[in-house]
Amino acid sequence: MQEQLRALEQEKEELRTTLQELTTEHFALAAQHAQSSQQLERTKEVLPQLQAELMEVKAEGDAARKELHQEKQSAAKLAEALREQAEIEKVLRKERECLRERREGLQGQTVGGKTEQAARLSTSLMREMVAVKLEEQLVAKRQGITFWLQKLFVLLACLQLVLLCLVLLTRDSISRDLPCRLASTFGSCPAWPPPF
């Protein structure tokens, strides 16, 4: 009988110990649950802001890509205009050379029976030279305009590259700061960089 009482006392002590351990675990789990709930609420508060920032960065990236595409198209048009202008200048040089040769040929001829012919050719030659000079002036004007257009497009392309770099750097800082921001709302910051 005493052995049974001892056994019952021992079981009673074990049950008390187990009950205390279960109570302690219950309180610890309740505290963890409350902390997790708080962290979840903080995350819910921060998440819309982070989503808005992400959407803003995506929109900026799309706008930068669109502007870069437009700049490439403008640069292609400018290159085509420059090619056409170079062709016009080449034709004008050839015509000028032809006219110069004709004038030298006329000057080298004898004054004898060809004075009238020289006068007529000289008049037509002068008209052609005036036309060539006018075309040269027009080409010079176009060159001035294309020079400034080139400078403008180079400046715009540089600005586009700067904007694209800023967008990429912003996106990189958001992706780097996002885990620390989330972790700071939970109470601890993980070591950076994460082991991927």
N, C-alpha and C. Protein backbone atom coordinates (compact mmCIF):
# COMPACT_ATOMS: atom_id res chain seq x y z
N MET A 1 0.80 -1.18 0.00
CA MET A 1 0.00 0.00 0.00
C MET A 1 0.86 1.27 0.00
N GLN A 2 1.89 1.24 0.79
CA GLN A 2 2.77 2.40 0.83
C GLN A 2 3.49 2.56 -0.51
N GLU A 3 3.77 1.48 -1.15
CA GLU A 3 4.42 1.55 -2.45
C GLU A 3 3.48 2.19 -3.47
N GLN A 4 2.22 1.86 -3.36
CA GLN A 4 1.25 2.45 -4.28
C GLN A 4 1.13 3.95 -4.02
N LEU A 5 1.15 4.32 -2.72
CA LEU A 5 1.08 5.74 -2.38
C LEU A 5 2.31 6.49 -2.90
N ARG A 6 3.45 5.86 -2.75
CA ARG A 6 4.68 6.49 -3.27
C ARG A 6 4.60 6.64 -4.79
N ALA A 7 4.12 5.57 -5.44
CA ALA A 7 4.00 5.62 -6.89
C ALA A 7 3.01 6.71 -7.31
N LEU A 8 1.91 6.83 -6.54
CA LEU A 8 0.93 7.88 -6.85
C LEU A 8 1.53 9.27 -6.60
N GLU A 9 2.30 9.41 -5.54
CA GLU A 9 2.95 10.70 -5.24
C GLU A 9 3.94 11.06 -6.36
N GLN A 10 4.67 10.05 -6.79
CA GLN A 10 5.65 10.27 -7.85
C GLN A 10 4.93 10.67 -9.15
N GLU A 11 3.84 10.01 -9.47
CA GLU A 11 3.07 10.36 -10.67
C GLU A 11 2.48 11.77 -10.53
N LYS A 12 2.06 12.08 -9.28
CA LYS A 12 1.50 13.40 -9.04
C LYS A 12 2.56 14.49 -9.29
N GLU A 13 3.79 14.25 -8.82
CA GLU A 13 4.89 15.20 -9.01
C GLU A 13 5.22 15.34 -10.51
N GLU A 14 5.24 14.21 -11.22
CA GLU A 14 5.52 14.24 -12.66
C GLU A 14 4.43 15.01 -13.40
N LEU A 15 3.17 14.81 -12.99
CA LEU A 15 2.08 15.53 -13.62
C LEU A 15 2.17 17.03 -13.35
N ARG A 16 2.57 17.42 -12.12
CA ARG A 16 2.75 18.84 -11.80
C ARG A 16 3.86 19.45 -12.66
N THR A 17 4.96 18.70 -12.76
CA THR A 17 6.10 19.19 -13.58
C THR A 17 5.68 19.34 -15.04
N THR A 18 4.99 18.34 -15.55
CA THR A 18 4.51 18.40 -16.94
C THR A 18 3.55 19.54 -17.13
N LEU A 19 2.65 19.74 -16.12
CA LEU A 19 1.68 20.83 -16.19
C LEU A 19 2.39 22.18 -16.21
N GLN A 20 3.44 22.34 -15.39
CA GLN A 20 4.19 23.59 -15.37
C GLN A 20 4.90 23.83 -16.72
N GLU A 21 5.48 22.75 -17.26
CA GLU A 21 6.16 22.88 -18.56
C GLU A 21 5.16 23.26 -19.65
N LEU A 22 3.99 22.61 -19.63
CA LEU A 22 2.97 22.91 -20.64
C LEU A 22 2.47 24.35 -20.49
N THR A 23 2.30 24.80 -19.24
CA THR A 23 1.86 26.16 -19.00
C THR A 23 2.90 27.16 -19.51
N THR A 24 4.17 26.88 -19.22
CA THR A 24 5.25 27.76 -19.70
C THR A 24 5.28 27.80 -21.23
N GLU A 25 5.18 26.63 -21.86
CA GLU A 25 5.16 26.57 -23.33
C GLU A 25 3.95 27.31 -23.89
N HIS A 26 2.80 27.16 -23.21
CA HIS A 26 1.59 27.85 -23.66
C HIS A 26 1.78 29.36 -23.63
N PHE A 27 2.34 29.89 -22.54
CA PHE A 27 2.58 31.32 -22.44
C PHE A 27 3.59 31.79 -23.49
N ALA A 28 4.65 30.98 -23.71
CA ALA A 28 5.65 31.34 -24.72
C ALA A 28 5.02 31.36 -26.11
N LEU A 29 4.19 30.36 -26.41
CA LEU A 29 3.52 30.32 -27.72
C LEU A 29 2.55 31.49 -27.88
N ALA A 30 1.85 31.83 -26.78
CA ALA A 30 0.93 32.96 -26.84
C ALA A 30 1.69 34.26 -27.10
N ALA A 31 2.86 34.42 -26.46
CA ALA A 31 3.68 35.62 -26.67
C ALA A 31 4.19 35.66 -28.12
N GLN A 32 4.64 34.49 -28.62
CA GLN A 32 5.11 34.45 -30.01
C GLN A 32 3.97 34.75 -30.98
N HIS A 33 2.79 34.24 -30.68
CA HIS A 33 1.64 34.50 -31.54
C HIS A 33 1.31 36.00 -31.56
N ALA A 34 1.35 36.62 -30.38
CA ALA A 34 1.06 38.06 -30.30
C ALA A 34 2.12 38.85 -31.08
N GLN A 35 3.39 38.46 -30.93
CA GLN A 35 4.47 39.14 -31.65
C GLN A 35 4.32 38.94 -33.15
N SER A 36 3.98 37.72 -33.56
CA SER A 36 3.79 37.44 -34.99
C SER A 36 2.62 38.25 -35.54
N SER A 37 1.56 38.37 -34.75
CA SER A 37 0.41 39.17 -35.19
C SER A 37 0.81 40.63 -35.37
N GLN A 38 1.60 41.15 -34.42
CA GLN A 38 2.07 42.53 -34.54
C GLN A 38 2.93 42.71 -35.78
N GLN A 39 3.84 41.74 -36.00
CA GLN A 39 4.70 41.82 -37.18
C GLN A 39 3.88 41.75 -38.46
N LEU A 40 2.87 40.91 -38.46
CA LEU A 40 2.01 40.80 -39.63
C LEU A 40 1.27 42.11 -39.89
N GLU A 41 0.81 42.75 -38.84
CA GLU A 41 0.12 44.03 -39.00
C GLU A 41 1.08 45.09 -39.53
N ARG A 42 2.30 45.11 -39.00
CA ARG A 42 3.29 46.08 -39.49
C ARG A 42 3.59 45.84 -40.96
N THR A 43 3.70 44.56 -41.31
CA THR A 43 3.97 44.21 -42.71
C THR A 43 2.82 44.66 -43.60
N LYS A 44 1.61 44.47 -43.14
CA LYS A 44 0.45 44.91 -43.92
C LYS A 44 0.45 46.42 -44.08
N GLU A 45 0.93 47.15 -43.08
CA GLU A 45 0.99 48.61 -43.18
C GLU A 45 2.07 49.05 -44.17
N VAL A 46 3.23 48.36 -44.18
CA VAL A 46 4.36 48.75 -45.03
C VAL A 46 4.17 48.27 -46.47
N LEU A 47 3.50 47.15 -46.66
CA LEU A 47 3.38 46.51 -47.98
C LEU A 47 2.77 47.43 -49.05
N PRO A 48 1.67 48.15 -48.79
CA PRO A 48 1.14 49.04 -49.85
C PRO A 48 2.13 50.13 -50.27
N GLN A 49 2.86 50.66 -49.30
CA GLN A 49 3.85 51.69 -49.63
C GLN A 49 4.94 51.11 -50.52
N LEU A 50 5.41 49.91 -50.17
CA LEU A 50 6.45 49.28 -50.98
C LEU A 50 5.94 48.92 -52.36
N GLN A 51 4.69 48.47 -52.44
CA GLN A 51 4.12 48.16 -53.76
C GLN A 51 4.00 49.43 -54.60
N ALA A 52 3.61 50.52 -53.97
CA ALA A 52 3.50 51.80 -54.71
C ALA A 52 4.86 52.24 -55.22
N GLU A 53 5.90 52.11 -54.37
CA GLU A 53 7.25 52.48 -54.79
C GLU A 53 7.71 51.60 -55.95
N LEU A 54 7.41 50.31 -55.87
CA LEU A 54 7.79 49.39 -56.94
C LEU A 54 7.08 49.76 -58.24
N MET A 55 5.80 50.08 -58.18
CA MET A 55 5.06 50.46 -59.39
C MET A 55 5.63 51.76 -59.98
N GLU A 56 6.01 52.68 -59.09
CA GLU A 56 6.58 53.95 -59.55
C GLU A 56 7.91 53.72 -60.27
N VAL A 57 8.74 52.85 -59.71
CA VAL A 57 10.03 52.55 -60.34
C VAL A 57 9.81 51.86 -61.68
N LYS A 58 8.83 50.94 -61.74
CA LYS A 58 8.53 50.28 -63.02
C LYS A 58 8.06 51.29 -64.06
N ALA A 59 7.20 52.22 -63.63
CA ALA A 59 6.71 53.24 -64.57
C ALA A 59 7.85 54.12 -65.07
N GLU A 60 8.76 54.50 -64.17
CA GLU A 60 9.90 55.31 -64.58
C GLU A 60 10.78 54.54 -65.56
N GLY A 61 10.99 53.26 -65.29
CA GLY A 61 11.78 52.44 -66.21
C GLY A 61 11.14 52.33 -67.58
N ASP A 62 9.82 52.15 -67.60
CA ASP A 62 9.10 52.08 -68.89
C ASP A 62 9.21 53.39 -69.64
N ALA A 63 9.05 54.50 -68.92
CA ALA A 63 9.15 55.82 -69.57
C ALA A 63 10.56 56.05 -70.12
N ALA A 64 11.56 55.64 -69.35
CA ALA A 64 12.95 55.81 -69.81
C ALA A 64 13.21 54.96 -71.05
N ARG A 65 12.67 53.72 -71.06
CA ARG A 65 12.85 52.86 -72.24
C ARG A 65 12.17 53.48 -73.46
N LYS A 66 10.98 54.03 -73.26
CA LYS A 66 10.24 54.64 -74.37
C LYS A 66 11.00 55.85 -74.92
N GLU A 67 11.51 56.69 -74.04
CA GLU A 67 12.26 57.87 -74.48
C GLU A 67 13.54 57.47 -75.19
N LEU A 68 14.20 56.42 -74.70
CA LEU A 68 15.41 55.93 -75.35
C LEU A 68 15.09 55.43 -76.75
N HIS A 69 13.98 54.74 -76.91
CA HIS A 69 13.56 54.25 -78.23
C HIS A 69 13.31 55.44 -79.16
N GLN A 70 12.65 56.48 -78.66
CA GLN A 70 12.40 57.66 -79.47
C GLN A 70 13.70 58.35 -79.87
N GLU A 71 14.66 58.39 -78.94
CA GLU A 71 15.95 59.00 -79.25
C GLU A 71 16.68 58.20 -80.33
N LYS A 72 16.58 56.89 -80.27
CA LYS A 72 17.22 56.07 -81.30
C LYS A 72 16.59 56.34 -82.67
N GLN A 73 15.26 56.47 -82.70
CA GLN A 73 14.61 56.77 -83.96
C GLN A 73 15.04 58.14 -84.49
N SER A 74 15.12 59.13 -83.61
CA SER A 74 15.55 60.47 -84.02
C SER A 74 16.99 60.44 -84.52
N ALA A 75 17.84 59.68 -83.86
CA ALA A 75 19.23 59.57 -84.29
C ALA A 75 19.32 58.91 -85.67
N ALA A 76 18.47 57.91 -85.93
CA ALA A 76 18.46 57.26 -87.25
C ALA A 76 18.02 58.25 -88.32
N LYS A 77 17.00 59.07 -88.03
CA LYS A 77 16.55 60.08 -89.00
C LYS A 77 17.64 61.10 -89.27
N LEU A 78 18.34 61.51 -88.22
CA LEU A 78 19.42 62.47 -88.36
C LEU A 78 20.54 61.88 -89.20
N ALA A 79 20.88 60.62 -88.96
CA ALA A 79 21.93 59.97 -89.75
C ALA A 79 21.53 59.91 -91.22
N GLU A 80 20.27 59.64 -91.51
CA GLU A 80 19.78 59.61 -92.89
C GLU A 80 19.90 60.99 -93.53
N ALA A 81 19.53 62.03 -92.80
CA ALA A 81 19.64 63.40 -93.31
C ALA A 81 21.09 63.76 -93.59
N LEU A 82 22.00 63.34 -92.71
CA LEU A 82 23.43 63.62 -92.92
C LEU A 82 23.95 62.89 -94.15
N ARG A 83 23.49 61.65 -94.37
CA ARG A 83 23.90 60.90 -95.56
C ARG A 83 23.45 61.62 -96.83
N GLU A 84 22.19 62.08 -96.82
CA GLU A 84 21.66 62.80 -97.98
C GLU A 84 22.45 64.08 -98.22
N GLN A 85 22.78 64.79 -97.16
CA GLN A 85 23.53 66.02 -97.29
C GLN A 85 24.92 65.74 -97.85
N ALA A 86 25.55 64.66 -97.42
CA ALA A 86 26.88 64.31 -97.95
C ALA A 86 26.80 64.00 -99.44
N GLU A 87 25.74 63.33 -99.86
CA GLU A 87 25.57 63.04 -101.28
C GLU A 87 25.40 64.32 -102.09
N ILE A 88 24.59 65.25 -101.56
CA ILE A 88 24.39 66.53 -102.25
C ILE A 88 25.71 67.27 -102.37
N GLU A 89 26.49 67.31 -101.31
CA GLU A 89 27.79 67.98 -101.35
C GLU A 89 28.72 67.34 -102.37
N LYS A 90 28.68 66.03 -102.48
CA LYS A 90 29.51 65.31 -103.44
C LYS A 90 29.15 65.72 -104.87
N VAL A 91 27.84 65.76 -105.15
CA VAL A 91 27.38 66.16 -106.49
C VAL A 91 27.79 67.60 -106.78
N LEU A 92 27.64 68.48 -105.78
CA LEU A 92 28.02 69.89 -105.98
C LEU A 92 29.52 70.03 -106.24
N ARG A 93 30.34 69.27 -105.56
CA ARG A 93 31.79 69.32 -105.80
C ARG A 93 32.11 68.90 -107.23
N LYS A 94 31.44 67.83 -107.68
CA LYS A 94 31.69 67.37 -109.05
C LYS A 94 31.29 68.44 -110.06
N GLU A 95 30.13 69.06 -109.84
CA GLU A 95 29.68 70.12 -110.75
C GLU A 95 30.63 71.30 -110.73
N ARG A 96 31.11 71.67 -109.56
CA ARG A 96 32.05 72.78 -109.45
C ARG A 96 33.34 72.48 -110.22
N GLU A 97 33.82 71.23 -110.08
CA GLU A 97 35.03 70.84 -110.80
C GLU A 97 34.81 70.92 -112.31
N CYS A 98 33.64 70.43 -112.76
CA CYS A 98 33.33 70.50 -114.19
C CYS A 98 33.31 71.94 -114.68
N LEU A 99 32.67 72.81 -113.91
CA LEU A 99 32.60 74.23 -114.29
C LEU A 99 33.97 74.87 -114.30
N ARG A 100 34.79 74.52 -113.34
CA ARG A 100 36.14 75.07 -113.28
C ARG A 100 36.95 74.64 -114.51
N GLU A 101 36.80 73.35 -114.86
CA GLU A 101 37.51 72.85 -116.03
C GLU A 101 37.03 73.55 -117.31
N ARG A 102 35.71 73.75 -117.40
CA ARG A 102 35.18 74.44 -118.58
C ARG A 102 35.71 75.88 -118.66
N ARG A 103 35.74 76.55 -117.52
CA ARG A 103 36.23 77.93 -117.51
C ARG A 103 37.70 77.97 -117.90
N GLU A 104 38.50 77.04 -117.36
CA GLU A 104 39.92 77.00 -117.71
C GLU A 104 40.09 76.69 -119.20
N GLY A 105 39.21 75.81 -119.73
CA GLY A 105 39.27 75.51 -121.16
C GLY A 105 38.94 76.73 -121.99
N LEU A 106 37.95 77.50 -121.54
CA LEU A 106 37.60 78.71 -122.27
C LEU A 106 38.70 79.76 -122.22
N GLN A 107 39.33 79.86 -121.07
CA GLN A 107 40.40 80.85 -120.94
C GLN A 107 41.61 80.47 -121.80
N GLY A 108 41.81 79.16 -121.98
CA GLY A 108 42.95 78.69 -122.76
C GLY A 108 42.74 78.80 -124.26
N GLN A 109 41.53 78.98 -124.71
CA GLN A 109 41.26 79.07 -126.15
C GLN A 109 41.80 80.39 -126.72
N THR A 110 42.03 80.38 -127.99
CA THR A 110 42.53 81.60 -128.66
C THR A 110 41.42 82.62 -128.76
N VAL A 111 41.78 83.85 -128.80
CA VAL A 111 40.84 84.93 -128.86
C VAL A 111 40.25 85.04 -130.27
N GLY A 112 40.90 84.48 -131.25
CA GLY A 112 40.53 84.60 -132.66
C GLY A 112 39.05 84.48 -132.95
N GLY A 113 38.57 83.41 -133.55
CA GLY A 113 37.19 83.26 -134.01
C GLY A 113 36.24 82.80 -132.93
N LYS A 114 36.74 82.60 -131.70
CA LYS A 114 35.86 82.00 -130.68
C LYS A 114 35.45 83.00 -129.60
N THR A 115 35.56 84.25 -129.83
CA THR A 115 35.21 85.25 -128.83
C THR A 115 33.72 85.23 -128.53
N GLU A 116 32.90 85.14 -129.56
CA GLU A 116 31.44 85.08 -129.36
C GLU A 116 31.04 83.84 -128.58
N GLN A 117 31.60 82.72 -129.02
CA GLN A 117 31.28 81.45 -128.34
C GLN A 117 31.72 81.51 -126.87
N ALA A 118 32.85 82.12 -126.64
CA ALA A 118 33.35 82.26 -125.27
C ALA A 118 32.42 83.13 -124.45
N ALA A 119 31.89 84.20 -125.07
CA ALA A 119 30.99 85.10 -124.34
C ALA A 119 29.71 84.36 -123.95
N ARG A 120 29.16 83.60 -124.90
CA ARG A 120 27.94 82.83 -124.59
C ARG A 120 28.21 81.79 -123.49
N LEU A 121 29.31 81.06 -123.66
CA LEU A 121 29.66 80.05 -122.65
C LEU A 121 29.96 80.71 -121.30
N SER A 122 30.58 81.86 -121.38
CA SER A 122 30.89 82.57 -120.14
C SER A 122 29.62 82.96 -119.41
N THR A 123 28.59 83.43 -120.15
CA THR A 123 27.32 83.81 -119.54
C THR A 123 26.64 82.60 -118.91
N SER A 124 26.58 81.49 -119.68
CA SER A 124 25.96 80.28 -119.13
C SER A 124 26.76 79.73 -117.95
N LEU A 125 28.09 79.88 -118.08
CA LEU A 125 28.96 79.43 -116.99
C LEU A 125 28.71 80.25 -115.72
N MET A 126 28.53 81.55 -115.89
CA MET A 126 28.27 82.41 -114.74
C MET A 126 26.94 82.04 -114.07
N ARG A 127 25.93 81.76 -114.91
CA ARG A 127 24.64 81.36 -114.35
C ARG A 127 24.79 80.07 -113.54
N GLU A 128 25.49 79.11 -114.12
CA GLU A 128 25.69 77.84 -113.42
C GLU A 128 26.47 78.04 -112.12
N MET A 129 27.46 78.92 -112.17
CA MET A 129 28.27 79.17 -110.96
C MET A 129 27.42 79.85 -109.87
N VAL A 130 26.54 80.76 -110.31
CA VAL A 130 25.65 81.41 -109.34
C VAL A 130 24.73 80.35 -108.72
N ALA A 131 24.20 79.44 -109.56
CA ALA A 131 23.33 78.37 -109.03
C ALA A 131 24.10 77.49 -108.06
N VAL A 132 25.36 77.17 -108.41
CA VAL A 132 26.18 76.34 -107.52
C VAL A 132 26.43 77.07 -106.20
N LYS A 133 26.73 78.38 -106.28
CA LYS A 133 26.95 79.15 -105.05
C LYS A 133 25.70 79.17 -104.17
N LEU A 134 24.54 79.35 -104.79
CA LEU A 134 23.29 79.34 -104.01
C LEU A 134 23.06 77.98 -103.35
N GLU A 135 23.35 76.92 -104.09
CA GLU A 135 23.20 75.58 -103.51
C GLU A 135 24.19 75.37 -102.37
N GLU A 136 25.41 75.89 -102.55
CA GLU A 136 26.41 75.78 -101.46
C GLU A 136 25.94 76.52 -100.22
N GLN A 137 25.35 77.71 -100.41
CA GLN A 137 24.84 78.46 -99.26
C GLN A 137 23.72 77.70 -98.56
N LEU A 138 22.84 77.08 -99.37
CA LEU A 138 21.75 76.29 -98.81
C LEU A 138 22.30 75.11 -98.01
N VAL A 139 23.31 74.45 -98.57
CA VAL A 139 23.93 73.31 -97.88
C VAL A 139 24.59 73.79 -96.59
N ALA A 140 25.24 74.96 -96.63
CA ALA A 140 25.88 75.50 -95.42
C ALA A 140 24.84 75.76 -94.33
N LYS A 141 23.68 76.31 -94.73
CA LYS A 141 22.61 76.53 -93.75
C LYS A 141 22.16 75.20 -93.15
N ARG A 142 21.98 74.22 -94.01
CA ARG A 142 21.55 72.90 -93.52
C ARG A 142 22.59 72.31 -92.58
N GLN A 143 23.87 72.51 -92.92
CA GLN A 143 24.92 71.99 -92.05
C GLN A 143 24.85 72.62 -90.67
N GLY A 144 24.60 73.93 -90.62
CA GLY A 144 24.48 74.60 -89.32
C GLY A 144 23.33 74.03 -88.51
N ILE A 145 22.19 73.83 -89.17
CA ILE A 145 21.02 73.28 -88.48
C ILE A 145 21.29 71.86 -88.03
N THR A 146 21.89 71.05 -88.90
CA THR A 146 22.15 69.65 -88.51
C THR A 146 23.20 69.58 -87.41
N PHE A 147 24.17 70.53 -87.42
CA PHE A 147 25.17 70.53 -86.34
C PHE A 147 24.49 70.72 -84.99
N TRP A 148 23.60 71.71 -84.90
CA TRP A 148 22.92 71.95 -83.62
C TRP A 148 21.94 70.84 -83.28
N LEU A 149 21.31 70.25 -84.30
CA LEU A 149 20.44 69.10 -84.03
C LEU A 149 21.24 67.94 -83.48
N GLN A 150 22.44 67.73 -84.07
CA GLN A 150 23.29 66.65 -83.54
C GLN A 150 23.63 66.91 -82.08
N LYS A 151 24.03 68.12 -81.77
CA LYS A 151 24.38 68.46 -80.39
C LYS A 151 23.19 68.24 -79.46
N LEU A 152 22.00 68.64 -79.93
CA LEU A 152 20.79 68.48 -79.12
C LEU A 152 20.49 67.00 -78.87
N PHE A 153 20.60 66.18 -79.94
CA PHE A 153 20.32 64.75 -79.77
C PHE A 153 21.36 64.08 -78.88
N VAL A 154 22.62 64.48 -78.99
CA VAL A 154 23.64 63.92 -78.10
C VAL A 154 23.34 64.30 -76.66
N LEU A 155 22.95 65.55 -76.44
CA LEU A 155 22.60 65.98 -75.09
C LEU A 155 21.40 65.20 -74.55
N LEU A 156 20.37 65.03 -75.39
CA LEU A 156 19.19 64.27 -74.96
C LEU A 156 19.54 62.81 -74.67
N ALA A 157 20.42 62.23 -75.51
CA ALA A 157 20.82 60.84 -75.28
C ALA A 157 21.57 60.72 -73.95
N CYS A 158 22.43 61.70 -73.65
CA CYS A 158 23.14 61.68 -72.37
C CYS A 158 22.17 61.79 -71.20
N LEU A 159 21.19 62.67 -71.34
CA LEU A 159 20.17 62.81 -70.28
C LEU A 159 19.40 61.50 -70.10
N GLN A 160 19.09 60.84 -71.22
CA GLN A 160 18.38 59.56 -71.14
C GLN A 160 19.23 58.53 -70.39
N LEU A 161 20.52 58.49 -70.70
CA LEU A 161 21.39 57.54 -70.01
C LEU A 161 21.46 57.84 -68.52
N VAL A 162 21.54 59.13 -68.17
CA VAL A 162 21.57 59.50 -66.75
C VAL A 162 20.27 59.07 -66.07
N LEU A 163 19.12 59.34 -66.71
CA LEU A 163 17.83 58.93 -66.14
C LEU A 163 17.75 57.42 -65.99
N LEU A 164 18.23 56.70 -67.00
CA LEU A 164 18.18 55.24 -66.94
C LEU A 164 19.06 54.73 -65.80
N CYS A 165 20.25 55.33 -65.63
CA CYS A 165 21.12 54.94 -64.52
C CYS A 165 20.46 55.22 -63.18
N LEU A 166 19.81 56.40 -63.06
CA LEU A 166 19.12 56.72 -61.81
C LEU A 166 18.00 55.73 -61.52
N VAL A 167 17.26 55.37 -62.54
CA VAL A 167 16.17 54.40 -62.35
C VAL A 167 16.73 53.06 -61.90
N LEU A 168 17.81 52.63 -62.56
CA LEU A 168 18.40 51.34 -62.19
C LEU A 168 18.98 51.38 -60.78
N LEU A 169 19.64 52.50 -60.42
CA LEU A 169 20.18 52.62 -59.07
C LEU A 169 19.07 52.65 -58.03
N THR A 170 17.97 53.34 -58.33
CA THR A 170 16.84 53.38 -57.41
C THR A 170 16.25 52.00 -57.24
N ARG A 171 16.09 51.29 -58.35
CA ARG A 171 15.54 49.93 -58.29
C ARG A 171 16.47 49.03 -57.46
N ASP A 172 17.80 49.19 -57.65
CA ASP A 172 18.77 48.38 -56.91
C ASP A 172 18.71 48.71 -55.42
N SER A 173 18.61 50.00 -55.06
CA SER A 173 18.56 50.36 -53.64
C SER A 173 17.27 49.87 -53.00
N ILE A 174 16.18 49.88 -53.75
CA ILE A 174 14.92 49.37 -53.20
C ILE A 174 15.03 47.87 -52.95
N SER A 175 15.63 47.15 -53.92
CA SER A 175 15.74 45.70 -53.72
C SER A 175 16.72 45.39 -52.60
N ARG A 176 17.69 46.29 -52.34
CA ARG A 176 18.64 46.05 -51.27
C ARG A 176 18.05 46.45 -49.93
N ASP A 177 17.31 47.55 -49.89
CA ASP A 177 16.75 48.06 -48.64
C ASP A 177 15.47 47.36 -48.24
N LEU A 178 14.77 46.73 -49.17
CA LEU A 178 13.48 46.10 -48.87
C LEU A 178 13.58 45.07 -47.75
N PRO A 179 14.54 44.12 -47.79
CA PRO A 179 14.60 43.15 -46.68
C PRO A 179 14.88 43.82 -45.33
N CYS A 180 15.76 44.84 -45.32
CA CYS A 180 16.06 45.51 -44.05
C CYS A 180 14.85 46.30 -43.56
N ARG A 181 14.10 46.92 -44.47
CA ARG A 181 12.90 47.65 -44.06
C ARG A 181 11.88 46.71 -43.45
N LEU A 182 11.68 45.59 -44.13
CA LEU A 182 10.72 44.62 -43.58
C LEU A 182 11.21 44.07 -42.25
N ALA A 183 12.52 43.78 -42.18
CA ALA A 183 13.06 43.22 -40.94
C ALA A 183 13.00 44.25 -39.82
N SER A 184 13.21 45.54 -40.13
CA SER A 184 13.17 46.55 -39.08
C SER A 184 11.77 46.69 -38.50
N THR A 185 10.77 46.42 -39.31
CA THR A 185 9.41 46.46 -38.78
C THR A 185 9.16 45.28 -37.86
N PHE A 186 9.92 44.20 -38.07
CA PHE A 186 9.75 43.02 -37.22
C PHE A 186 10.68 43.04 -36.02
N GLY A 187 11.64 43.97 -36.00
CA GLY A 187 12.47 44.07 -34.82
C GLY A 187 13.90 43.65 -35.02
N SER A 188 14.28 43.09 -36.16
CA SER A 188 15.67 42.70 -36.37
C SER A 188 16.00 42.85 -37.84
N CYS A 189 17.28 43.13 -38.15
CA CYS A 189 17.71 43.32 -39.53
C CYS A 189 18.63 42.17 -39.91
N PRO A 190 18.33 41.43 -40.99
CA PRO A 190 19.19 40.31 -41.36
C PRO A 190 20.52 40.80 -41.93
N ALA A 191 21.52 39.96 -41.90
CA ALA A 191 22.83 40.31 -42.46
C ALA A 191 22.72 40.47 -43.96
N TRP A 192 23.44 41.44 -44.53
CA TRP A 192 23.37 41.69 -45.98
C TRP A 192 24.69 41.32 -46.59
N PRO A 193 24.83 40.76 -47.72
CA PRO A 193 23.78 40.33 -48.63
C PRO A 193 23.23 38.97 -48.25
N PRO A 194 22.01 38.68 -48.64
CA PRO A 194 21.45 37.37 -48.30
C PRO A 194 22.15 36.28 -49.10
N PRO A 195 22.32 35.12 -48.51
CA PRO A 195 23.06 34.05 -49.19
C PRO A 195 22.22 33.38 -50.25
N PHE A 196 22.30 33.82 -51.50
CA PHE A 196 21.58 33.19 -52.61
C PHE A 196 22.53 32.39 -53.43
